[in-house]
Amino acid sequence: MGMEHLGEQDWSELRSILSEAPAFAELTPRETDVLCLIGKGMTNDEIASELFISPHTVKNHVTNIYRKTGMDDRTQLAILVQRHWH
C-alpha cells in the first residue's frame, strides 16, 4: 500500500513505528506527524494545510527534524520513512 492511501489506522501505525525508531526517538509527536507527511512526498504548504498549521511552523518543524536526526536532505528523510514503513 502506498503512503498516499494511508487510512486512519495505517496513519496511527506509521506514527507509532516512527516514534519507536531510534533514528526518530528525539522527535516530538508533531514533528513525527510532519515527518510522516514528508515521507508521503508532501510539500511544506501541503503539510501545513493537512495539519492546519502555518507553512512557517512546518518549516520550523522540518528544521528541528533535520537537527535531531542529523540529516539535512528531505529526500533522505522520505526514503528513511519509507524503509520503516515497508
Protein backbone atom coordinates (compact mmCIF):
# COMPACT_ATOMS: atom_id res chain seq x y z
CA MET A 1 0.00 0.00 0.00
CA GLY A 2 1.40 3.40 -0.94
CA MET A 3 1.50 6.13 1.64
CA GLU A 4 -0.85 8.27 -0.41
CA HIS A 5 -3.61 5.86 0.66
CA LEU A 6 -2.97 5.83 4.41
CA GLY A 7 -6.13 5.31 6.37
CA GLU A 8 -6.54 6.40 9.98
CA GLN A 9 -5.35 3.04 11.32
CA ASP A 10 -2.35 3.00 8.97
CA TRP A 11 -1.51 6.59 9.94
CA SER A 12 -1.51 5.62 13.62
CA GLU A 13 0.64 2.59 12.88
CA LEU A 14 3.18 4.65 10.93
CA ARG A 15 3.35 7.28 13.68
CA SER A 16 3.92 4.51 16.21
CA ILE A 17 6.64 2.86 14.10
CA LEU A 18 8.46 6.15 13.58
CA SER A 19 8.20 7.25 17.21
CA GLU A 20 9.85 3.98 18.28
CA ALA A 21 12.60 4.04 15.63
CA PRO A 22 15.99 5.01 17.11
CA ALA A 23 16.63 7.48 14.28
CA PHE A 24 13.49 9.40 15.25
CA ALA A 25 13.47 8.93 19.04
CA GLU A 26 14.07 12.62 19.76
CA LEU A 27 11.13 13.90 17.71
CA THR A 28 8.02 15.39 19.26
CA PRO A 29 4.64 13.95 18.25
CA ARG A 30 4.04 16.92 15.92
CA GLU A 31 7.47 16.54 14.33
CA THR A 32 6.62 12.88 13.79
CA ASP A 33 3.39 13.96 12.04
CA VAL A 34 5.38 16.28 9.78
CA LEU A 35 7.91 13.52 9.10
CA CYS A 36 5.13 11.10 8.07
CA LEU A 37 3.88 13.65 5.56
CA ILE A 38 7.40 14.29 4.26
CA GLY A 39 7.57 10.54 3.70
CA LYS A 40 4.35 10.83 1.75
CA GLY A 41 6.10 13.33 -0.54
CA MET A 42 4.15 16.39 0.55
CA THR A 43 5.49 19.94 0.32
CA ASN A 44 5.60 22.27 3.31
CA ASP A 45 2.48 24.06 2.05
CA GLU A 46 0.63 20.75 1.67
CA ILE A 47 1.73 19.65 5.14
CA ALA A 48 0.57 22.97 6.58
CA SER A 49 -2.84 22.52 5.01
CA GLU A 50 -3.11 18.90 6.17
CA LEU A 51 -2.16 19.70 9.77
CA PHE A 52 -3.93 23.10 9.96
CA ILE A 53 -0.73 24.96 10.81
CA SER A 54 1.21 27.69 9.02
CA PRO A 55 3.89 26.92 6.43
CA HIS A 56 6.33 28.80 8.69
CA THR A 57 5.55 26.39 11.53
CA VAL A 58 6.10 23.43 9.20
CA LYS A 59 9.46 24.90 8.20
CA ASN A 60 10.41 25.16 11.89
CA HIS A 61 9.41 21.52 12.44
CA VAL A 62 11.44 20.42 9.40
CA THR A 63 14.47 22.33 10.69
CA ASN A 64 14.09 20.60 14.06
CA ILE A 65 13.75 17.21 12.37
CA TYR A 66 16.98 17.83 10.44
CA ARG A 67 18.79 18.85 13.62
CA LYS A 68 17.51 15.94 15.69
CA THR A 69 18.12 13.25 13.05
CA GLY A 70 21.45 14.61 11.82
CA MET A 71 20.08 14.69 8.28
CA ASP A 72 19.85 17.70 6.04
CA ASP A 73 18.10 16.32 2.99
CA ARG A 74 14.34 15.94 2.60
CA THR A 75 14.72 13.05 0.16
CA GLN A 76 16.86 11.12 2.65
CA LEU A 77 14.16 11.60 5.28
CA ALA A 78 11.44 10.41 2.90
CA ILE A 79 13.44 7.32 1.98
CA LEU A 80 14.07 6.51 5.64
CA VAL A 81 10.35 6.84 6.40
CA GLN A 82 9.53 4.51 3.52
CA ARG A 83 12.07 1.94 4.76
CA HIS A 84 10.49 1.92 8.22
CA TRP A 85 7.00 1.68 6.76
CA HIS A 86 7.64 -1.30 4.50
